[in-house]
Amino acid sequence: QAEYGEHVNNHQVEFVENVSKRMGTIIPVYDIADLRNAVCNYDTIIST
């Protein structure tokens, strides 16, 4: 994300949102505080 100085703009955010909505084949994490849930509950998330 650009706001953290990680890239020049937010094209990765936009691309990930698009892929997530259209394909549903990835687990997006926009807020780093949500990373714990994504990793610790990975098996449950992918099963649903």
All heavy atoms as atom14 arrays in JSON, in Angstrom:
{
  "sequence": "QAEYGEHVNNHQVEFVENVSKRMGTIIPVYDIADLRNAVCNYDTIIST",
  "atom14_mask": [
    [1, 1, 1, 1, 1, 1, 1, 1, 1, 0, 0, 0, 0, 0],
    [1, 1, 1, 1, 1, 0, 0, 0, 0, 0, 0, 0, 0, 0],
    [1, 1, 1, 1, 1, 1, 1, 1, 1, 0, 0, 0, 0, 0],
    [1, 1, 1, 1, 1, 1, 1, 1, 1, 1, 1, 1, 0, 0],
    [1, 1, 1, 1, 0, 0, 0, 0, 0, 0, 0, 0, 0, 0],
    [1, 1, 1, 1, 1, 1, 1, 1, 1, 0, 0, 0, 0, 0],
    [1, 1, 1, 1, 1, 1, 1, 1, 1, 1, 0, 0, 0, 0],
    [1, 1, 1, 1, 1, 1, 1, 0, 0, 0, 0, 0, 0, 0],
    [1, 1, 1, 1, 1, 1, 1, 1, 0, 0, 0, 0, 0, 0],
    [1, 1, 1, 1, 1, 1, 1, 1, 0, 0, 0, 0, 0, 0],
    [1, 1, 1, 1, 1, 1, 1, 1, 1, 1, 0, 0, 0, 0],
    [1, 1, 1, 1, 1, 1, 1, 1, 1, 0, 0, 0, 0, 0],
    [1, 1, 1, 1, 1, 1, 1, 0, 0, 0, 0, 0, 0, 0],
    [1, 1, 1, 1, 1, 1, 1, 1, 1, 0, 0, 0, 0, 0],
    [1, 1, 1, 1, 1, 1, 1, 1, 1, 1, 1, 0, 0, 0],
    [1, 1, 1, 1, 1, 1, 1, 0, 0, 0, 0, 0, 0, 0],
    [1, 1, 1, 1, 1, 1, 1, 1, 1, 0, 0, 0, 0, 0],
    [1, 1, 1, 1, 1, 1, 1, 1, 0, 0, 0, 0, 0, 0],
    [1, 1, 1, 1, 1, 1, 1, 0, 0, 0, 0, 0, 0, 0],
    [1, 1, 1, 1, 1, 1, 0, 0, 0, 0, 0, 0, 0, 0],
    [1, 1, 1, 1, 1, 1, 1, 1, 1, 0, 0, 0, 0, 0],
    [1, 1, 1, 1, 1, 1, 1, 1, 1, 1, 1, 0, 0, 0],
    [1, 1, 1, 1, 1, 1, 1, 1, 0, 0, 0, 0, 0, 0],
    [1, 1, 1, 1, 0, 0, 0, 0, 0, 0, 0, 0, 0, 0],
    [1, 1, 1, 1, 1, 1, 1, 0, 0, 0, 0, 0, 0, 0],
    [1, 1, 1, 1, 1, 1, 1, 1, 0, 0, 0, 0, 0, 0],
    [1, 1, 1, 1, 1, 1, 1, 1, 0, 0, 0, 0, 0, 0],
    [1, 1, 1, 1, 1, 1, 1, 0, 0, 0, 0, 0, 0, 0],
    [1, 1, 1, 1, 1, 1, 1, 0, 0, 0, 0, 0, 0, 0],
    [1, 1, 1, 1, 1, 1, 1, 1, 1, 1, 1, 1, 0, 0],
    [1, 1, 1, 1, 1, 1, 1, 1, 0, 0, 0, 0, 0, 0],
    [1, 1, 1, 1, 1, 1, 1, 1, 0, 0, 0, 0, 0, 0],
    [1, 1, 1, 1, 1, 0, 0, 0, 0, 0, 0, 0, 0, 0],
    [1, 1, 1, 1, 1, 1, 1, 1, 0, 0, 0, 0, 0, 0],
    [1, 1, 1, 1, 1, 1, 1, 1, 0, 0, 0, 0, 0, 0],
    [1, 1, 1, 1, 1, 1, 1, 1, 1, 1, 1, 0, 0, 0],
    [1, 1, 1, 1, 1, 1, 1, 1, 0, 0, 0, 0, 0, 0],
    [1, 1, 1, 1, 1, 0, 0, 0, 0, 0, 0, 0, 0, 0],
    [1, 1, 1, 1, 1, 1, 1, 0, 0, 0, 0, 0, 0, 0],
    [1, 1, 1, 1, 1, 1, 0, 0, 0, 0, 0, 0, 0, 0],
    [1, 1, 1, 1, 1, 1, 1, 1, 0, 0, 0, 0, 0, 0],
    [1, 1, 1, 1, 1, 1, 1, 1, 1, 1, 1, 1, 0, 0],
    [1, 1, 1, 1, 1, 1, 1, 1, 0, 0, 0, 0, 0, 0],
    [1, 1, 1, 1, 1, 1, 1, 0, 0, 0, 0, 0, 0, 0],
    [1, 1, 1, 1, 1, 1, 1, 1, 0, 0, 0, 0, 0, 0],
    [1, 1, 1, 1, 1, 1, 1, 1, 0, 0, 0, 0, 0, 0],
    [1, 1, 1, 1, 1, 1, 0, 0, 0, 0, 0, 0, 0, 0],
    [1, 1, 1, 1, 1, 1, 1, 0, 0, 0, 0, 0, 0, 0]
  ],
  "atom14_positions": [
    [[0.83, -1.2, 0.0], [0.0, 0.0, 0.0], [0.86, 1.25, 0.0], [1.86, 1.34, 0.72], [-0.94, -0.01, 1.21], [-1.93, -1.17, 1.16], [-2.88, -1.19, 2.33], [-3.22, -0.16, 2.89], [-3.32, -2.39, 2.7], [0.0, 0.0, 0.0], [0.0, 0.0, 0.0], [0.0, 0.0, 0.0], [0.0, 0.0, 0.0], [0.0, 0.0, 0.0]],
    [[0.44, 2.22, -0.79], [1.19, 3.48, -0.93], [1.3, 4.23, 0.39], [2.34, 4.8, 0.69], [0.53, 4.37, -1.99], [0.0, 0.0, 0.0], [0.0, 0.0, 0.0], [0.0, 0.0, 0.0], [0.0, 0.0, 0.0], [0.0, 0.0, 0.0], [0.0, 0.0, 0.0], [0.0, 0.0, 0.0], [0.0, 0.0, 0.0], [0.0, 0.0, 0.0]],
    [[0.25, 4.21, 1.21], [0.26, 4.97, 2.45], [1.36, 4.52, 3.42], [1.75, 5.28, 4.3], [-1.11, 4.94, 3.14], [-1.48, 3.6, 3.73], [-2.86, 3.61, 4.36], [-3.01, 4.1, 5.5], [-3.8, 3.13, 3.69], [0.0, 0.0, 0.0], [0.0, 0.0, 0.0], [0.0, 0.0, 0.0], [0.0, 0.0, 0.0], [0.0, 0.0, 0.0]],
    [[1.87, 3.31, 3.24], [2.96, 2.8, 4.09], [4.31, 2.88, 3.38], [5.3, 2.33, 3.87], [2.67, 1.36, 4.52], [1.38, 1.22, 5.29], [0.27, 0.61, 4.72], [1.27, 1.72, 6.6], [-0.92, 0.49, 5.43], [0.09, 1.61, 7.31], [-1.0, 0.99, 6.71], [-2.18, 0.88, 7.41], [0.0, 0.0, 0.0], [0.0, 0.0, 0.0]],
    [[4.35, 3.48, 2.21], [5.59, 3.59, 1.46], [6.05, 2.27, 0.86], [7.23, 2.08, 0.58], [0.0, 0.0, 0.0], [0.0, 0.0, 0.0], [0.0, 0.0, 0.0], [0.0, 0.0, 0.0], [0.0, 0.0, 0.0], [0.0, 0.0, 0.0], [0.0, 0.0, 0.0], [0.0, 0.0, 0.0], [0.0, 0.0, 0.0], [0.0, 0.0, 0.0]],
    [[5.09, 1.37, 0.62], [5.43, 0.04, 0.1], [5.36, -0.03, -1.42], [5.86, -0.98, -2.03], [4.46, -0.99, 0.69], [4.55, -1.06, 2.19], [3.35, -1.71, 2.86], [2.3, -1.93, 2.2], [3.45, -1.99, 4.06], [0.0, 0.0, 0.0], [0.0, 0.0, 0.0], [0.0, 0.0, 0.0], [0.0, 0.0, 0.0], [0.0, 0.0, 0.0]],
    [[4.72, 0.97, -2.02], [4.61, 1.03, -3.48], [4.27, 2.47, -3.87], [3.95, 3.28, -3.01], [3.56, 0.07, -4.01], [3.99, -0.63, -5.27], [4.39, 0.05, -6.41], [4.1, -1.94, -5.57], [4.73, -0.82, -7.34], [4.57, -2.04, -6.86], [0.0, 0.0, 0.0], [0.0, 0.0, 0.0], [0.0, 0.0, 0.0], [0.0, 0.0, 0.0]],
    [[4.34, 2.77, -5.14], [4.11, 4.13, -5.62], [2.62, 4.5, -5.65], [2.27, 5.68, -5.64], [4.74, 4.36, -7.01], [6.25, 4.23, -6.94], [4.16, 3.39, -8.03], [0.0, 0.0, 0.0], [0.0, 0.0, 0.0], [0.0, 0.0, 0.0], [0.0, 0.0, 0.0], [0.0, 0.0, 0.0], [0.0, 0.0, 0.0], [0.0, 0.0, 0.0]],
    [[1.76, 3.49, -5.71], [0.31, 3.72, -5.69], [-0.36, 2.46, -5.14], [0.31, 1.55, -4.67], [-0.2, 4.07, -7.1], [0.09, 3.0, -8.12], [0.14, 1.81, -7.8], [0.28, 3.4, -9.36], [0.0, 0.0, 0.0], [0.0, 0.0, 0.0], [0.0, 0.0, 0.0], [0.0, 0.0, 0.0], [0.0, 0.0, 0.0], [0.0, 0.0, 0.0]],
    [[-1.68, 2.42, -5.23], [-2.41, 1.27, -4.66], [-2.91, 0.29, -5.71], [-3.94, -0.35, -5.52], [-3.57, 1.78, -3.79], [-3.08, 2.26, -2.45], [-2.11, 1.75, -1.9], [-3.75, 3.27, -1.92], [0.0, 0.0, 0.0], [0.0, 0.0, 0.0], [0.0, 0.0, 0.0], [0.0, 0.0, 0.0], [0.0, 0.0, 0.0], [0.0, 0.0, 0.0]],
    [[-2.17, 0.16, -6.81], [-2.63, -0.76, -7.85], [-2.71, -2.2, -7.34], [-3.57, -2.96, -7.78], [-1.76, -0.67, -9.11], [-0.4, -1.27, -8.95], [0.66, -0.59, -8.38], [0.07, -2.49, -9.29], [1.72, -1.37, -8.38], [1.39, -2.53, -8.92], [0.0, 0.0, 0.0], [0.0, 0.0, 0.0], [0.0, 0.0, 0.0], [0.0, 0.0, 0.0]],
    [[-1.86, -2.59, -6.39], [-1.94, -3.96, -5.86], [-3.24, -4.16, -5.09], [-3.87, -5.22, -5.19], [-0.73, -4.3, -4.97], [0.53, -4.58, -5.74], [1.6, -5.24, -4.89], [1.43, -5.52, -3.71], [2.73, -5.52, -5.53], [0.0, 0.0, 0.0], [0.0, 0.0, 0.0], [0.0, 0.0, 0.0], [0.0, 0.0, 0.0], [0.0, 0.0, 0.0]],
    [[-3.65, -3.17, -4.33], [-4.91, -3.26, -3.59], [-6.07, -3.44, -4.57], [-6.91, -4.33, -4.4], [-5.14, -2.01, -2.71], [-6.53, -2.04, -2.07], [-4.06, -1.89, -1.64], [0.0, 0.0, 0.0], [0.0, 0.0, 0.0], [0.0, 0.0, 0.0], [0.0, 0.0, 0.0], [0.0, 0.0, 0.0], [0.0, 0.0, 0.0], [0.0, 0.0, 0.0]],
    [[-6.09, -2.62, -5.59], [-7.17, -2.68, -6.59], [-7.17, -4.03, -7.31], [-8.23, -4.63, -7.53], [-7.02, -1.54, -7.58], [-7.24, -0.17, -6.95], [-6.74, 0.99, -7.8], [-6.41, 0.78, -8.98], [-6.67, 2.1, -7.25], [0.0, 0.0, 0.0], [0.0, 0.0, 0.0], [0.0, 0.0, 0.0], [0.0, 0.0, 0.0], [0.0, 0.0, 0.0]],
    [[-5.99, -4.52, -7.67], [-5.89, -5.8, -8.37], [-6.35, -6.95, -7.48], [-7.13, -7.81, -7.91], [-4.45, -6.02, -8.86], [-4.31, -7.23, -9.73], [-4.86, -7.26, -11.0], [-3.63, -8.35, -9.27], [-4.74, -8.38, -11.81], [-3.5, -9.47, -10.07], [-4.06, -9.49, -11.34], [0.0, 0.0, 0.0], [0.0, 0.0, 0.0], [0.0, 0.0, 0.0]],
    [[-5.91, -6.95, -6.24], [-6.29, -8.01, -5.3], [-7.8, -7.98, -5.05], [-8.45, -9.04, -5.01], [-5.49, -7.9, -3.99], [-6.05, -8.8, -2.89], [-4.01, -8.25, -4.24], [0.0, 0.0, 0.0], [0.0, 0.0, 0.0], [0.0, 0.0, 0.0], [0.0, 0.0, 0.0], [0.0, 0.0, 0.0], [0.0, 0.0, 0.0], [0.0, 0.0, 0.0]],
    [[-8.37, -6.79, -4.89], [-9.83, -6.68, -4.7], [-10.56, -7.29, -5.9], [-11.54, -8.03, -5.73], [-10.24, -5.22, -4.54], [-9.92, -4.64, -3.19], [-10.2, -3.14, -3.09], [-10.35, -2.47, -4.14], [-10.23, -2.64, -1.95], [0.0, 0.0, 0.0], [0.0, 0.0, 0.0], [0.0, 0.0, 0.0], [0.0, 0.0, 0.0], [0.0, 0.0, 0.0]],
    [[-10.09, -6.98, -7.09], [-10.71, -7.48, -8.32], [-10.63, -9.01, -8.4], [-11.63, -9.68, -8.67], [-9.99, -6.88, -9.53], [-10.95, -6.18, -10.45], [-12.08, -6.6, -10.59], [-10.48, -5.13, -11.08], [0.0, 0.0, 0.0], [0.0, 0.0, 0.0], [0.0, 0.0, 0.0], [0.0, 0.0, 0.0], [0.0, 0.0, 0.0], [0.0, 0.0, 0.0]],
    [[-9.46, -9.55, -8.18], [-9.27, -11.01, -8.26], [-10.1, -11.7, -7.18], [-10.75, -12.72, -7.44], [-7.78, -11.39, -8.14], [-7.61, -12.89, -7.98], [-7.01, -10.89, -9.36], [0.0, 0.0, 0.0], [0.0, 0.0, 0.0], [0.0, 0.0, 0.0], [0.0, 0.0, 0.0], [0.0, 0.0, 0.0], [0.0, 0.0, 0.0], [0.0, 0.0, 0.0]],
    [[-10.1, -11.14, -5.99], [-10.84, -11.74, -4.89], [-12.34, -11.77, -5.19], [-13.0, -12.8, -4.97], [-10.57, -10.95, -3.61], [-11.31, -11.49, -2.54], [0.0, 0.0, 0.0], [0.0, 0.0, 0.0], [0.0, 0.0, 0.0], [0.0, 0.0, 0.0], [0.0, 0.0, 0.0], [0.0, 0.0, 0.0], [0.0, 0.0, 0.0], [0.0, 0.0, 0.0]],
    [[-12.87, -10.68, -5.7], [-14.31, -10.61, -5.99], [-14.69, -11.49, -7.18], [-15.7, -12.18, -7.15], [-14.73, -9.17, -6.26], [-14.79, -8.33, -5.01], [-15.12, -6.88, -5.33], [-14.99, -6.04, -4.07], [-15.0, -4.61, -4.35], [0.0, 0.0, 0.0], [0.0, 0.0, 0.0], [0.0, 0.0, 0.0], [0.0, 0.0, 0.0], [0.0, 0.0, 0.0]],
    [[-13.89, -11.45, -8.23], [-14.24, -12.18, -9.45], [-13.95, -13.67, -9.38], [-14.71, -14.48, -9.89], [-13.5, -11.59, -10.65], [-14.01, -10.25, -11.04], [-13.27, -9.74, -12.24], [-13.78, -8.43, -12.59], [-13.71, -7.92, -13.78], [-13.14, -8.6, -14.75], [-14.2, -6.73, -14.02], [0.0, 0.0, 0.0], [0.0, 0.0, 0.0], [0.0, 0.0, 0.0]],
    [[-12.83, -14.02, -8.77], [-12.4, -15.41, -8.79], [-12.6, -16.13, -7.45], [-12.84, -17.32, -7.42], [-10.92, -15.51, -9.19], [-10.61, -14.89, -10.55], [-11.51, -15.65, -11.92], [-10.76, -17.26, -11.95], [0.0, 0.0, 0.0], [0.0, 0.0, 0.0], [0.0, 0.0, 0.0], [0.0, 0.0, 0.0], [0.0, 0.0, 0.0], [0.0, 0.0, 0.0]],
    [[-12.42, -15.41, -6.36], [-12.58, -16.04, -5.05], [-11.54, -17.1, -4.74], [-11.8, -18.01, -3.95], [0.0, 0.0, 0.0], [0.0, 0.0, 0.0], [0.0, 0.0, 0.0], [0.0, 0.0, 0.0], [0.0, 0.0, 0.0], [0.0, 0.0, 0.0], [0.0, 0.0, 0.0], [0.0, 0.0, 0.0], [0.0, 0.0, 0.0], [0.0, 0.0, 0.0]],
    [[-10.38, -17.01, -5.35], [-9.35, -18.05, -5.21], [-8.17, -17.63, -4.35], [-7.18, -18.36, -4.27], [-8.83, -18.47, -6.6], [-8.39, -17.29, -7.29], [-9.9, -19.16, -7.4], [0.0, 0.0, 0.0], [0.0, 0.0, 0.0], [0.0, 0.0, 0.0], [0.0, 0.0, 0.0], [0.0, 0.0, 0.0], [0.0, 0.0, 0.0], [0.0, 0.0, 0.0]],
    [[-8.26, -16.46, -3.73], [-7.19, -15.98, -2.86], [-7.81, -15.51, -1.55], [-9.02, -15.25, -1.49], [-6.38, -14.82, -3.5], [-7.29, -13.61, -3.76], [-5.69, -15.28, -4.77], [-6.55, -12.37, -4.26], [0.0, 0.0, 0.0], [0.0, 0.0, 0.0], [0.0, 0.0, 0.0], [0.0, 0.0, 0.0], [0.0, 0.0, 0.0], [0.0, 0.0, 0.0]],
    [[-6.98, -15.4, -0.53], [-7.42, -14.85, 0.75], [-6.76, -13.48, 0.88], [-5.56, -13.39, 1.17], [-7.02, -15.77, 1.93], [-7.64, -17.15, 1.76], [-7.42, -15.11, 3.26], [-7.11, -18.19, 2.74], [0.0, 0.0, 0.0], [0.0, 0.0, 0.0], [0.0, 0.0, 0.0], [0.0, 0.0, 0.0], [0.0, 0.0, 0.0], [0.0, 0.0, 0.0]],
    [[-7.51, -12.4, 0.63], [-6.92, -11.07, 0.71], [-6.81, -10.58, 2.15], [-7.69, -10.84, 2.97], [-7.9, -10.21, -0.08], [-9.21, -10.9, 0.07], [-8.9, -12.37, 0.2], [0.0, 0.0, 0.0], [0.0, 0.0, 0.0], [0.0, 0.0, 0.0], [0.0, 0.0, 0.0], [0.0, 0.0, 0.0], [0.0, 0.0, 0.0], [0.0, 0.0, 0.0]],
    [[-5.71, -9.88, 2.44], [-5.52, -9.26, 3.76], [-5.09, -7.82, 3.5], [-3.97, -7.57, 3.06], [-4.45, -10.0, 4.59], [-4.15, -9.26, 5.87], [-4.89, -11.43, 4.89], [0.0, 0.0, 0.0], [0.0, 0.0, 0.0], [0.0, 0.0, 0.0], [0.0, 0.0, 0.0], [0.0, 0.0, 0.0], [0.0, 0.0, 0.0], [0.0, 0.0, 0.0]],
    [[-6.0, -6.88, 3.74], [-5.71, -5.47, 3.51], [-5.19, -4.8, 4.79], [-4.33, -3.94, 4.72], [-6.96, -4.75, 3.01], [-7.55, -5.41, 1.79], [-8.69, -6.2, 1.88], [-6.94, -5.28, 0.54], [-9.21, -6.83, 0.77], [-7.47, -5.9, -0.58], [-8.6, -6.68, -0.46], [-9.12, -7.31, -1.57], [0.0, 0.0, 0.0], [0.0, 0.0, 0.0]],
    [[-5.74, -5.21, 5.92], [-5.32, -4.68, 7.22], [-4.41, -5.72, 7.86], [-4.82, -6.86, 8.08], [-6.56, -4.44, 8.08], [-6.24, -3.84, 9.44], [-5.09, -3.97, 9.91], [-7.16, -3.25, 10.04], [0.0, 0.0, 0.0], [0.0, 0.0, 0.0], [0.0, 0.0, 0.0], [0.0, 0.0, 0.0], [0.0, 0.0, 0.0], [0.0, 0.0, 0.0]],
    [[-3.19, -5.36, 8.16], [-2.2, -6.32, 8.67], [-2.66, -6.98, 9.96], [-2.26, -8.1, 10.27], [-0.8, -5.65, 8.81], [0.31, -6.71, 8.72], [-0.69, -4.85, 10.08], [0.47, -7.31, 7.36], [0.0, 0.0, 0.0], [0.0, 0.0, 0.0], [0.0, 0.0, 0.0], [0.0, 0.0, 0.0], [0.0, 0.0, 0.0], [0.0, 0.0, 0.0]],
    [[-3.57, -6.33, 10.7], [-4.11, -6.92, 11.92], [-4.94, -8.17, 11.61], [-5.14, -9.02, 12.48], [-4.95, -5.9, 12.67], [0.0, 0.0, 0.0], [0.0, 0.0, 0.0], [0.0, 0.0, 0.0], [0.0, 0.0, 0.0], [0.0, 0.0, 0.0], [0.0, 0.0, 0.0], [0.0, 0.0, 0.0], [0.0, 0.0, 0.0], [0.0, 0.0, 0.0]],
    [[-5.41, -8.31, 10.36], [-6.2, -9.47, 9.96], [-5.34, -10.66, 9.52], [-5.86, -11.74, 9.26], [-7.14, -9.09, 8.82], [-8.17, -8.05, 9.25], [-8.5, -7.99, 10.44], [-8.62, -7.29, 8.37], [0.0, 0.0, 0.0], [0.0, 0.0, 0.0], [0.0, 0.0, 0.0], [0.0, 0.0, 0.0], [0.0, 0.0, 0.0], [0.0, 0.0, 0.0]],
    [[-4.03, -10.45, 9.46], [-3.13, -11.52, 9.01], [-3.18, -12.72, 9.96], [-3.19, -13.86, 9.52], [-1.7, -11.0, 8.87], [-0.67, -11.99, 8.34], [-1.04, -12.46, 6.94], [0.71, -11.34, 8.32], [0.0, 0.0, 0.0], [0.0, 0.0, 0.0], [0.0, 0.0, 0.0], [0.0, 0.0, 0.0], [0.0, 0.0, 0.0], [0.0, 0.0, 0.0]],
    [[-3.22, -12.44, 11.25], [-3.27, -13.52, 12.25], [-4.45, -14.44, 11.97], [-4.3, -15.66, 11.94], [-3.36, -12.94, 13.65], [-3.57, -14.0, 14.71], [-3.76, -13.4, 16.08], [-4.03, -14.45, 17.05], [-4.31, -14.23, 18.29], [-4.35, -13.01, 18.77], [-4.55, -15.24, 19.1], [0.0, 0.0, 0.0], [0.0, 0.0, 0.0], [0.0, 0.0, 0.0]],
    [[-5.63, -13.88, 11.77], [-6.82, -14.69, 11.49], [-6.64, -15.5, 10.22], [-6.97, -16.69, 10.18], [-8.06, -13.8, 11.39], [-9.29, -14.62, 11.09], [-9.66, -15.51, 11.85], [-9.92, -14.34, 9.96], [0.0, 0.0, 0.0], [0.0, 0.0, 0.0], [0.0, 0.0, 0.0], [0.0, 0.0, 0.0], [0.0, 0.0, 0.0], [0.0, 0.0, 0.0]],
    [[-6.12, -14.87, 9.16], [-5.95, -15.56, 7.89], [-5.03, -16.77, 8.01], [-5.28, -17.81, 7.41], [-5.43, -14.59, 6.83], [0.0, 0.0, 0.0], [0.0, 0.0, 0.0], [0.0, 0.0, 0.0], [0.0, 0.0, 0.0], [0.0, 0.0, 0.0], [0.0, 0.0, 0.0], [0.0, 0.0, 0.0], [0.0, 0.0, 0.0], [0.0, 0.0, 0.0]],
    [[-3.97, -16.63, 8.81], [-3.0, -17.72, 8.96], [-3.5, -18.77, 9.96], [-3.48, -19.96, 9.69], [-1.61, -17.19, 9.36], [-0.64, -18.32, 9.63], [-1.07, -16.27, 8.28], [0.0, 0.0, 0.0], [0.0, 0.0, 0.0], [0.0, 0.0, 0.0], [0.0, 0.0, 0.0], [0.0, 0.0, 0.0], [0.0, 0.0, 0.0], [0.0, 0.0, 0.0]],
    [[-3.95, -18.31, 11.11], [-4.36, -19.25, 12.16], [-5.64, -20.01, 11.82], [-5.85, -21.11, 12.32], [-4.52, -18.5, 13.49], [-2.95, -17.84, 14.11], [0.0, 0.0, 0.0], [0.0, 0.0, 0.0], [0.0, 0.0, 0.0], [0.0, 0.0, 0.0], [0.0, 0.0, 0.0], [0.0, 0.0, 0.0], [0.0, 0.0, 0.0], [0.0, 0.0, 0.0]],
    [[-6.47, -19.44, 10.96], [-7.72, -20.1, 10.57], [-7.73, -20.48, 9.09], [-8.79, -20.63, 8.49], [-8.91, -19.18, 10.89], [-9.02, -18.94, 12.38], [-9.08, -19.88, 13.16], [-8.99, -17.68, 12.78], [0.0, 0.0, 0.0], [0.0, 0.0, 0.0], [0.0, 0.0, 0.0], [0.0, 0.0, 0.0], [0.0, 0.0, 0.0], [0.0, 0.0, 0.0]],
    [[-6.53, -20.63, 8.54], [-6.38, -20.89, 7.11], [-7.22, -22.07, 6.62], [-7.96, -21.96, 5.65], [-4.9, -21.12, 6.79], [-4.62, -21.4, 5.34], [-4.54, -20.36, 4.42], [-4.45, -22.7, 4.88], [-4.29, -20.61, 3.07], [-4.2, -22.96, 3.54], [-4.12, -21.92, 2.65], [-3.89, -22.17, 1.33], [0.0, 0.0, 0.0], [0.0, 0.0, 0.0]],
    [[-7.11, -23.21, 7.29], [-7.81, -24.41, 6.84], [-9.32, -24.21, 6.84], [-10.02, -24.64, 5.91], [-7.42, -25.63, 7.69], [-5.96, -26.01, 7.48], [-5.44, -25.82, 6.36], [-5.33, -26.49, 8.45], [0.0, 0.0, 0.0], [0.0, 0.0, 0.0], [0.0, 0.0, 0.0], [0.0, 0.0, 0.0], [0.0, 0.0, 0.0], [0.0, 0.0, 0.0]],
    [[-9.83, -23.55, 7.86], [-11.27, -23.27, 7.93], [-11.69, -22.32, 6.82], [-12.72, -22.52, 6.16], [-11.64, -22.67, 9.3], [-11.23, -23.59, 10.32], [-13.12, -22.39, 9.42], [0.0, 0.0, 0.0], [0.0, 0.0, 0.0], [0.0, 0.0, 0.0], [0.0, 0.0, 0.0], [0.0, 0.0, 0.0], [0.0, 0.0, 0.0], [0.0, 0.0, 0.0]],
    [[-10.9, -21.29, 6.59], [-11.22, -20.31, 5.55], [-11.28, -20.97, 4.18], [-12.25, -20.78, 3.44], [-10.22, -19.13, 5.55], [-10.37, -18.31, 6.84], [-10.4, -18.25, 4.33], [-9.23, -17.33, 7.1], [0.0, 0.0, 0.0], [0.0, 0.0, 0.0], [0.0, 0.0, 0.0], [0.0, 0.0, 0.0], [0.0, 0.0, 0.0], [0.0, 0.0, 0.0]],
    [[-10.27, -21.76, 3.84], [-10.28, -22.36, 2.49], [-11.38, -23.41, 2.34], [-11.89, -23.61, 1.25], [-8.91, -22.92, 2.04], [-8.43, -24.04, 2.93], [-7.89, -21.82, 1.94], [-7.24, -24.78, 2.37], [0.0, 0.0, 0.0], [0.0, 0.0, 0.0], [0.0, 0.0, 0.0], [0.0, 0.0, 0.0], [0.0, 0.0, 0.0], [0.0, 0.0, 0.0]],
    [[-11.78, -24.04, 3.45], [-12.85, -25.04, 3.35], [-14.21, -24.4, 3.1], [-15.13, -25.06, 2.63], [-12.9, -25.9, 4.62], [-13.44, -25.16, 5.7], [0.0, 0.0, 0.0], [0.0, 0.0, 0.0], [0.0, 0.0, 0.0], [0.0, 0.0, 0.0], [0.0, 0.0, 0.0], [0.0, 0.0, 0.0], [0.0, 0.0, 0.0], [0.0, 0.0, 0.0]],
    [[-14.33, -23.1, 3.39], [-15.61, -22.42, 3.18], [-15.63, -21.59, 1.9], [-16.66, -21.0, 1.58], [-15.93, -21.49, 4.37], [-14.9, -20.5, 4.49], [-16.05, -22.27, 5.67], [0.0, 0.0, 0.0], [0.0, 0.0, 0.0], [0.0, 0.0, 0.0], [0.0, 0.0, 0.0], [0.0, 0.0, 0.0], [0.0, 0.0, 0.0], [0.0, 0.0, 0.0]]
  ]
}
